[in-house]
Amino acid sequence: MLAMRAMTEAIPTTGRLYVNCLEVGFNAVELILRFSQLTASDSEPATQADLITTPAHAKAFLLTLQQSLRDYEARFGEIERMTENGS
């Protein structure tokens, strides 16, 4: 059984990364999520981390993220969609 939970308190970590760019790749057995940071002065995103997981775990992540965004919007209001230029 896959267990996913929303964070309700800060969890000690070895480091945190700011990311604002995501690329997704996949093969028959795994999904690769490449998290990057892109600033106005960058010509290419700077890769911060690659997350490699199974399709089942990726789907569980998606469901958790969807619920978390619904909860966020219920509390803080609707999140506006970003345009192609990132604004």
PDB file of N, CA and C in Angstrom:
ATOM      1  N   MET A   1       0.838  -1.170   0.000  1.00  0.00           N
ATOM      2  CA  MET A   1       0.000   0.000   0.000  1.00  0.00           C
ATOM      3  C   MET A   1       0.891   1.244   0.000  1.00  0.00           C
ATOM      4  N   LEU A   2       0.511   2.220  -0.805  1.00  0.00           N
ATOM      5  CA  LEU A   2       1.255   3.466  -0.866  1.00  0.00           C
ATOM      6  C   LEU A   2       0.684   4.439   0.149  1.00  0.00           C
ATOM      7  N   ALA A   3       1.535   4.986   0.974  1.00  0.00           N
ATOM      8  CA  ALA A   3       1.074   5.961   1.963  1.00  0.00           C
ATOM      9  C   ALA A   3       1.679   7.311   1.640  1.00  0.00           C
ATOM     10  N   MET A   4       0.829   8.298   1.453  1.00  0.00           N
ATOM     11  CA  MET A   4       1.288   9.652   1.180  1.00  0.00           C
ATOM     12  C   MET A   4       0.649  10.550   2.226  1.00  0.00           C
ATOM     13  N   ARG A   5       1.359  11.591   2.630  1.00  0.00           N
ATOM     14  CA  ARG A   5       0.773  12.504   3.590  1.00  0.00           C
ATOM     15  C   ARG A   5       1.237  13.917   3.288  1.00  0.00           C
ATOM     16  N   ALA A   6       0.428  14.858   3.667  1.00  0.00           N
ATOM     17  CA  ALA A   6       0.812  16.253   3.538  1.00  0.00           C
ATOM     18  C   ALA A   6       1.642  16.623   4.760  1.00  0.00           C
ATOM     19  N   MET A   7       2.624  17.510   4.557  1.00  0.00           N
ATOM     20  CA  MET A   7       3.442  17.955   5.674  1.00  0.00           C
ATOM     21  C   MET A   7       2.623  18.902   6.546  1.00  0.00           C
ATOM     22  N   THR A   8       2.591  18.634   7.831  1.00  0.00           N
ATOM     23  CA  THR A   8       1.890  19.517   8.748  1.00  0.00           C
ATOM     24  C   THR A   8       2.857  20.237   9.659  1.00  0.00           C
ATOM     25  N   GLU A   9       4.097  19.824   9.642  1.00  0.00           N
ATOM     26  CA  GLU A   9       5.119  20.488  10.437  1.00  0.00           C
ATOM     27  C   GLU A   9       6.456  20.331   9.732  1.00  0.00           C
ATOM     28  N   ALA A  10       7.391  21.197  10.101  1.00  0.00           N
ATOM     29  CA  ALA A  10       8.711  21.133   9.474  1.00  0.00           C
ATOM     30  C   ALA A  10       9.400  19.826   9.859  1.00  0.00           C
ATOM     31  N   ILE A  11      10.023  19.204   8.890  1.00  0.00           N
ATOM     32  CA  ILE A  11      10.751  17.963   9.110  1.00  0.00           C
ATOM     33  C   ILE A  11      12.230  18.264   8.890  1.00  0.00           C
ATOM     34  N   PRO A  12      13.090  17.889   9.843  1.00  0.00           N
ATOM     35  CA  PRO A  12      14.521  18.140   9.634  1.00  0.00           C
ATOM     36  C   PRO A  12      15.006  17.493   8.343  1.00  0.00           C
ATOM     37  N   THR A  13      15.778  18.229   7.570  1.00  0.00           N
ATOM     38  CA  THR A  13      16.280  17.714   6.298  1.00  0.00           C
ATOM     39  C   THR A  13      17.767  17.988   6.198  1.00  0.00           C
ATOM     40  N   THR A  14      18.390  17.370   5.221  1.00  0.00           N
ATOM     41  CA  THR A  14      19.802  17.633   4.976  1.00  0.00           C
ATOM     42  C   THR A  14      19.991  18.861   4.119  1.00  0.00           C
ATOM     43  N   GLY A  15      18.943  19.351   3.526  1.00  0.00           N
ATOM     44  CA  GLY A  15      19.011  20.544   2.696  1.00  0.00           C
ATOM     45  C   GLY A  15      17.714  20.731   1.934  1.00  0.00           C
ATOM     46  N   ARG A  16      17.425  21.955   1.606  1.00  0.00           N
ATOM     47  CA  ARG A  16      16.227  22.255   0.832  1.00  0.00           C
ATOM     48  C   ARG A  16      16.649  22.959  -0.437  1.00  0.00           C
ATOM     49  N   LEU A  17      15.881  22.734  -1.493  1.00  0.00           N
ATOM     50  CA  LEU A  17      16.193  23.302  -2.791  1.00  0.00           C
ATOM     51  C   LEU A  17      15.031  24.138  -3.272  1.00  0.00           C
ATOM     52  N   TYR A  18      15.306  25.255  -3.910  1.00  0.00           N
ATOM     53  CA  TYR A  18      14.267  26.032  -4.577  1.00  0.00           C
ATOM     54  C   TYR A  18      14.256  25.601  -6.034  1.00  0.00           C
ATOM     55  N   VAL A  19      13.104  25.219  -6.529  1.00  0.00           N
ATOM     56  CA  VAL A  19      12.972  24.839  -7.935  1.00  0.00           C
ATOM     57  C   VAL A  19      11.754  25.538  -8.527  1.00  0.00           C
ATOM     58  N   ASN A  20      11.853  25.861  -9.814  1.00  0.00           N
ATOM     59  CA  ASN A  20      10.722  26.474 -10.510  1.00  0.00           C
ATOM     60  C   ASN A  20      10.593  25.942 -11.932  1.00  0.00           C
ATOM     61  N   CYS A  21      11.262  24.832 -12.188  1.00  0.00           N
ATOM     62  CA  CYS A  21      11.240  24.231 -13.516  1.00  0.00           C
ATOM     63  C   CYS A  21      11.229  22.706 -13.345  1.00  0.00           C
ATOM     64  N   LEU A  22      10.395  22.039 -14.118  1.00  0.00           N
ATOM     65  CA  LEU A  22      10.286  20.590 -14.031  1.00  0.00           C
ATOM     66  C   LEU A  22      10.276  19.981 -15.423  1.00  0.00           C
ATOM     67  N   GLU A  23      11.109  18.986 -15.617  1.00  0.00           N
ATOM     68  CA  GLU A  23      11.096  18.176 -16.836  1.00  0.00           C
ATOM     69  C   GLU A  23      10.786  16.746 -16.422  1.00  0.00           C
ATOM     70  N   VAL A  24      10.011  16.039 -17.228  1.00  0.00           N
ATOM     71  CA  VAL A  24       9.631  14.669 -16.905  1.00  0.00           C
ATOM     72  C   VAL A  24      10.024  13.754 -18.050  1.00  0.00           C
ATOM     73  N   GLY A  25      10.667  12.674 -17.715  1.00  0.00           N
ATOM     74  CA  GLY A  25      11.002  11.638 -18.684  1.00  0.00           C
ATOM     75  C   GLY A  25      10.544  10.294 -18.127  1.00  0.00           C
ATOM     76  N   PHE A  26      10.455   9.308 -18.967  1.00  0.00           N
ATOM     77  CA  PHE A  26      10.033   7.991 -18.469  1.00  0.00           C
ATOM     78  C   PHE A  26      10.488   6.897 -19.410  1.00  0.00           C
ATOM     79  N   ASN A  27      10.525   5.699 -18.851  1.00  0.00           N
ATOM     80  CA  ASN A  27      10.722   4.490 -19.638  1.00  0.00           C
ATOM     81  C   ASN A  27       9.681   3.486 -19.154  1.00  0.00           C
ATOM     82  N   ALA A  28       9.820   2.249 -19.480  1.00  0.00           N
ATOM     83  CA  ALA A  28       8.787   1.264 -19.155  1.00  0.00           C
ATOM     84  C   ALA A  28       8.621   1.021 -17.656  1.00  0.00           C
ATOM     85  N   VAL A  29       9.637   1.305 -16.850  1.00  0.00           N
ATOM     86  CA  VAL A  29       9.564   0.945 -15.427  1.00  0.00           C
ATOM     87  C   VAL A  29       9.741   2.107 -14.457  1.00  0.00           C
ATOM     88  N   GLU A  30      10.075   3.295 -14.942  1.00  0.00           N
ATOM     89  CA  GLU A  30      10.299   4.402 -14.020  1.00  0.00           C
ATOM     90  C   GLU A  30      10.006   5.751 -14.663  1.00  0.00           C
ATOM     91  N   LEU A  31       9.742   6.721 -13.810  1.00  0.00           N
ATOM     92  CA  LEU A  31       9.610   8.114 -14.224  1.00  0.00           C
ATOM     93  C   LEU A  31      10.784   8.878 -13.643  1.00  0.00           C
ATOM     94  N   ILE A  32      11.290   9.808 -14.410  1.00  0.00           N
ATOM     95  CA  ILE A  32      12.400  10.645 -13.974  1.00  0.00           C
ATOM     96  C   ILE A  32      11.900  12.077 -13.939  1.00  0.00           C
ATOM     97  N   LEU A  33      11.909  12.677 -12.754  1.00  0.00           N
ATOM     98  CA  LEU A  33      11.492  14.058 -12.568  1.00  0.00           C
ATOM     99  C   LEU A  33      12.739  14.888 -12.331  1.00  0.00           C
ATOM    100  N   ARG A  34      13.037  15.791 -13.245  1.00  0.00           N
ATOM    101  CA  ARG A  34      14.211  16.653 -13.115  1.00  0.00           C
ATOM    102  C   ARG A  34      13.757  18.026 -12.634  1.00  0.00           C
ATOM    103  N   PHE A  35      14.151  18.357 -11.415  1.00  0.00           N
ATOM    104  CA  PHE A  35      13.810  19.636 -10.810  1.00  0.00           C
ATOM    105  C   PHE A  35      14.970  20.600 -11.021  1.00  0.00           C
ATOM    106  N   SER A  36      14.667  21.779 -11.553  1.00  0.00           N
ATOM    107  CA  SER A  36      15.695  22.761 -11.886  1.00  0.00           C
ATOM    108  C   SER A  36      15.283  24.145 -11.420  1.00  0.00           C
ATOM    109  N   GLN A  37      16.257  25.041 -11.449  1.00  0.00           N
ATOM    110  CA  GLN A  37      15.998  26.446 -11.152  1.00  0.00           C
ATOM    111  C   GLN A  37      16.372  27.260 -12.381  1.00  0.00           C
ATOM    112  N   LEU A  38      15.479  28.156 -12.778  1.00  0.00           N
ATOM    113  CA  LEU A  38      15.709  29.004 -13.940  1.00  0.00           C
ATOM    114  C   LEU A  38      15.439  30.441 -13.527  1.00  0.00           C
ATOM    115  N   THR A  39      16.431  31.297 -13.743  1.00  0.00           N
ATOM    116  CA  THR A  39      16.260  32.719 -13.455  1.00  0.00           C
ATOM    117  C   THR A  39      16.306  33.498 -14.761  1.00  0.00           C
ATOM    118  N   ALA A  40      15.939  34.763 -14.695  1.00  0.00           N
ATOM    119  CA  ALA A  40      15.899  35.605 -15.890  1.00  0.00           C
ATOM    120  C   ALA A  40      17.265  35.709 -16.555  1.00  0.00           C
ATOM    121  N   SER A  41      18.332  35.597 -15.789  1.00  0.00           N
ATOM    122  CA  SER A  41      19.672  35.732 -16.363  1.00  0.00           C
ATOM    123  C   SER A  41      20.242  34.417 -16.887  1.00  0.00           C
ATOM    124  N   ASP A  42      19.528  33.307 -16.693  1.00  0.00           N
ATOM    125  CA  ASP A  42      20.010  31.998 -17.144  1.00  0.00           C
ATOM    126  C   ASP A  42      19.536  31.696 -18.556  1.00  0.00           C
ATOM    127  N   SER A  43      20.404  31.067 -19.341  1.00  0.00           N
ATOM    128  CA  SER A  43      19.983  30.610 -20.657  1.00  0.00           C
ATOM    129  C   SER A  43      19.446  29.177 -20.591  1.00  0.00           C
ATOM    130  N   GLU A  44      19.883  28.427 -19.595  1.00  0.00           N
ATOM    131  CA  GLU A  44      19.435  27.048 -19.389  1.00  0.00           C
ATOM    132  C   GLU A  44      19.127  26.850 -17.908  1.00  0.00           C
ATOM    133  N   PRO A  45      18.163  26.002 -17.581  1.00  0.00           N
ATOM    134  CA  PRO A  45      17.887  25.719 -16.174  1.00  0.00           C
ATOM    135  C   PRO A  45      19.059  25.006 -15.510  1.00  0.00           C
ATOM    136  N   ALA A  46      19.301  25.319 -14.247  1.00  0.00           N
ATOM    137  CA  ALA A  46      20.341  24.641 -13.461  1.00  0.00           C
ATOM    138  C   ALA A  46      19.682  23.495 -12.708  1.00  0.00           C
ATOM    139  N   THR A  47      20.060  22.264 -13.051  1.00  0.00           N
ATOM    140  CA  THR A  47      19.468  21.093 -12.410  1.00  0.00           C
ATOM    141  C   THR A  47      19.826  21.077 -10.932  1.00  0.00           C
ATOM    142  N   GLN A  48      18.801  20.935 -10.097  1.00  0.00           N
ATOM    143  CA  GLN A  48      18.990  20.857  -8.653  1.00  0.00           C
ATOM    144  C   GLN A  48      18.920  19.416  -8.159  1.00  0.00           C
ATOM    145  N   ALA A  49      18.030  18.620  -8.770  1.00  0.00           N
ATOM    146  CA  ALA A  49      17.867  17.234  -8.330  1.00  0.00           C
ATOM    147  C   ALA A  49      17.090  16.441  -9.375  1.00  0.00           C
ATOM    148  N   ASP A  50      17.425  15.169  -9.496  1.00  0.00           N
ATOM    149  CA  ASP A  50      16.649  14.220 -10.291  1.00  0.00           C
ATOM    150  C   ASP A  50      15.989  13.247  -9.322  1.00  0.00           C
ATOM    151  N   LEU A  51      14.697  13.067  -9.469  1.00  0.00           N
ATOM    152  CA  LEU A  51      13.956  12.120  -8.656  1.00  0.00           C
ATOM    153  C   LEU A  51      13.532  10.987  -9.583  1.00  0.00           C
ATOM    154  N   ILE A  52      13.914   9.780  -9.254  1.00  0.00           N
ATOM    155  CA  ILE A  52      13.570   8.610 -10.063  1.00  0.00           C
ATOM    156  C   ILE A  52      12.649   7.738  -9.222  1.00  0.00           C
ATOM    157  N   THR A  53      11.486   7.399  -9.780  1.00  0.00           N
ATOM    158  CA  THR A  53      10.491   6.661  -9.011  1.00  0.00           C
ATOM    159  C   THR A  53       9.676   5.764  -9.924  1.00  0.00           C
ATOM    160  N   THR A  54       8.857   4.942  -9.321  1.00  0.00           N
ATOM    161  CA  THR A  54       7.996   4.050 -10.094  1.00  0.00           C
ATOM    162  C   THR A  54       6.747   4.814 -10.541  1.00  0.00           C
ATOM    163  N   PRO A  55       6.086   4.332 -11.601  1.00  0.00           N
ATOM    164  CA  PRO A  55       4.833   4.963 -12.013  1.00  0.00           C
ATOM    165  C   PRO A  55       3.787   4.982 -10.899  1.00  0.00           C
ATOM    166  N   ALA A  56       3.694   3.926 -10.109  1.00  0.00           N
ATOM    167  CA  ALA A  56       2.710   3.882  -9.022  1.00  0.00           C
ATOM    168  C   ALA A  56       3.002   4.951  -7.971  1.00  0.00           C
ATOM    169  N   HIS A  57       4.266   5.128  -7.617  1.00  0.00           N
ATOM    170  CA  HIS A  57       4.613   6.168  -6.648  1.00  0.00           C
ATOM    171  C   HIS A  57       4.384   7.556  -7.242  1.00  0.00           C
ATOM    172  N   ALA A  58       4.705   7.744  -8.512  1.00  0.00           N
ATOM    173  CA  ALA A  58       4.477   9.040  -9.157  1.00  0.00           C
ATOM    174  C   ALA A  58       2.990   9.392  -9.128  1.00  0.00           C
ATOM    175  N   LYS A  59       2.132   8.410  -9.357  1.00  0.00           N
ATOM    176  CA  LYS A  59       0.697   8.665  -9.327  1.00  0.00           C
ATOM    177  C   LYS A  59       0.246   9.017  -7.913  1.00  0.00           C
ATOM    178  N   ALA A  60       0.802   8.344  -6.925  1.00  0.00           N
ATOM    179  CA  ALA A  60       0.488   8.671  -5.533  1.00  0.00           C
ATOM    180  C   ALA A  60       0.951  10.087  -5.201  1.00  0.00           C
ATOM    181  N   PHE A  61       2.126  10.487  -5.697  1.00  0.00           N
ATOM    182  CA  PHE A  61       2.611  11.861  -5.502  1.00  0.00           C
ATOM    183  C   PHE A  61       1.622  12.850  -6.124  1.00  0.00           C
ATOM    184  N   LEU A  62       1.163  12.539  -7.334  1.00  0.00           N
ATOM    185  CA  LEU A  62       0.221  13.412  -8.037  1.00  0.00           C
ATOM    186  C   LEU A  62      -1.064  13.602  -7.230  1.00  0.00           C
ATOM    187  N   LEU A  63      -1.613  12.513  -6.724  1.00  0.00           N
ATOM    188  CA  LEU A  63      -2.848  12.599  -5.948  1.00  0.00           C
ATOM    189  C   LEU A  63      -2.644  13.419  -4.680  1.00  0.00           C
ATOM    190  N   THR A  64      -1.511  13.238  -4.024  1.00  0.00           N
ATOM    191  CA  THR A  64      -1.200  14.012  -2.823  1.00  0.00           C
ATOM    192  C   THR A  64      -1.038  15.483  -3.152  1.00  0.00           C
ATOM    193  N   LEU A  65      -0.353  15.787  -4.242  1.00  0.00           N
ATOM    194  CA  LEU A  65      -0.160  17.176  -4.662  1.00  0.00           C
ATOM    195  C   LEU A  65      -1.495  17.822  -5.027  1.00  0.00           C
ATOM    196  N   GLN A  66      -2.356  17.099  -5.740  1.00  0.00           N
ATOM    197  CA  GLN A  66      -3.672  17.641  -6.098  1.00  0.00           C
ATOM    198  C   GLN A  66      -4.474  17.987  -4.850  1.00  0.00           C
ATOM    199  N   GLN A  67      -4.485  17.083  -3.867  1.00  0.00           N
ATOM    200  CA  GLN A  67      -5.234  17.356  -2.631  1.00  0.00           C
ATOM    201  C   GLN A  67      -4.621  18.535  -1.879  1.00  0.00           C
ATOM    202  N   SER A  68      -3.315  18.601  -1.834  1.00  0.00           N
ATOM    203  CA  SER A  68      -2.640  19.708  -1.143  1.00  0.00           C
ATOM    204  C   SER A  68      -2.951  21.041  -1.809  1.00  0.00           C
ATOM    205  N   LEU A  69      -3.011  21.079  -3.142  1.00  0.00           N
ATOM    206  CA  LEU A  69      -3.353  22.316  -3.841  1.00  0.00           C
ATOM    207  C   LEU A  69      -4.812  22.705  -3.611  1.00  0.00           C
ATOM    208  N   ARG A  70      -5.712  21.736  -3.556  1.00  0.00           N
ATOM    209  CA  ARG A  70      -7.107  22.039  -3.217  1.00  0.00           C
ATOM    210  C   ARG A  70      -7.194  22.650  -1.818  1.00  0.00           C
ATOM    211  N   ASP A  71      -6.469  22.069  -0.870  1.00  0.00           N
ATOM    212  CA  ASP A  71      -6.458  22.581   0.497  1.00  0.00           C
ATOM    213  C   ASP A  71      -5.862  23.994   0.541  1.00  0.00           C
ATOM    214  N   TYR A  72      -4.770  24.207  -0.198  1.00  0.00           N
ATOM    215  CA  TYR A  72      -4.124  25.519  -0.256  1.00  0.00           C
ATOM    216  C   TYR A  72      -5.090  26.575  -0.784  1.00  0.00           C
ATOM    217  N   GLU A  73      -5.763  26.252  -1.907  1.00  0.00           N
ATOM    218  CA  GLU A  73      -6.688  27.208  -2.517  1.00  0.00           C
ATOM    219  C   GLU A  73      -7.903  27.475  -1.623  1.00  0.00           C
ATOM    220  N   ALA A  74      -8.337  26.484  -0.892  1.00  0.00           N
ATOM    221  CA  ALA A  74      -9.448  26.687   0.033  1.00  0.00           C
ATOM    222  C   ALA A  74      -9.054  27.675   1.134  1.00  0.00           C
ATOM    223  N   ARG A  75      -7.797  27.654   1.487  1.00  0.00           N
ATOM    224  CA  ARG A  75      -7.316  28.537   2.565  1.00  0.00           C
ATOM    225  C   ARG A  75      -6.880  29.908   2.065  1.00  0.00           C
ATOM    226  N   PHE A  76      -6.181  29.948   0.920  1.00  0.00           N
ATOM    227  CA  PHE A  76      -5.546  31.191   0.464  1.00  0.00           C
ATOM    228  C   PHE A  76      -6.133  31.765  -0.825  1.00  0.00           C
ATOM    229  N   GLY A  77      -7.025  31.060  -1.476  1.00  0.00           N
ATOM    230  CA  GLY A  77      -7.599  31.538  -2.735  1.00  0.00           C
ATOM    231  C   GLY A  77      -6.981  30.827  -3.932  1.00  0.00           C
ATOM    232  N   GLU A  78      -7.640  31.023  -5.066  1.00  0.00           N
ATOM    233  CA  GLU A  78      -7.238  30.329  -6.289  1.00  0.00           C
ATOM    234  C   GLU A  78      -5.832  30.727  -6.740  1.00  0.00           C
ATOM    235  N   ILE A  79      -5.087  29.750  -7.185  1.00  0.00           N
ATOM    236  CA  ILE A  79      -3.754  29.968  -7.747  1.00  0.00           C
ATOM    237  C   ILE A  79      -3.928  30.257  -9.236  1.00  0.00           C
ATOM    238  N   GLU A  80      -3.378  31.363  -9.682  1.00  0.00           N
ATOM    239  CA  GLU A  80      -3.484  31.708 -11.098  1.00  0.00           C
ATOM    240  C   GLU A  80      -2.527  30.854 -11.913  1.00  0.00           C
ATOM    241  N   ARG A  81      -2.972  30.444 -13.100  1.00  0.00           N
ATOM    242  CA  ARG A  81      -2.101  29.682 -14.013  1.00  0.00           C
ATOM    243  C   ARG A  81      -0.995  30.560 -14.533  1.00  0.00           C
ATOM    244  N   MET A  82       0.176  29.977 -14.708  1.00  0.00           N
ATOM    245  CA  MET A  82       1.306  30.698 -15.274  1.00  0.00           C
ATOM    246  C   MET A  82       1.192  30.708 -16.792  1.00  0.00           C
ATOM    247  N   THR A  83       1.701  31.757 -17.413  1.00  0.00           N
ATOM    248  CA  THR A  83       1.731  31.827 -18.858  1.00  0.00           C
ATOM    249  C   THR A  83       3.008  31.150 -19.360  1.00  0.00           C
ATOM    250  N   GLU A  84       3.152  31.058 -20.673  1.00  0.00           N
ATOM    251  CA  GLU A  84       4.336  30.423 -21.259  1.00  0.00           C
ATOM    252  C   GLU A  84       5.631  31.117 -20.843  1.00  0.00           C
ATOM    253  N   ASN A  85       5.602  32.430 -20.610  1.00  0.00           N
ATOM    254  CA  ASN A  85       6.833  33.129 -20.244  1.00  0.00           C
ATOM    255  C   ASN A  85       7.099  33.095 -18.737  1.00  0.00           C
ATOM    256  N   GLY A  86       6.276  32.350 -17.993  1.00  0.00           N
ATOM    257  CA  GLY A  86       6.545  32.141 -16.586  1.00  0.00           C
ATOM    258  C   GLY A  86       5.947  33.181 -15.663  1.00  0.00           C
ATOM    259  N   SER A  87       5.112  34.092 -16.189  1.00  0.00           N
ATOM    260  CA  SER A  87       4.519  35.099 -15.309  1.00  0.00           C
ATOM    261  C   SER A  87       3.066  34.790 -15.018  1.00  0.00           C
TER     262      SER A  87
END
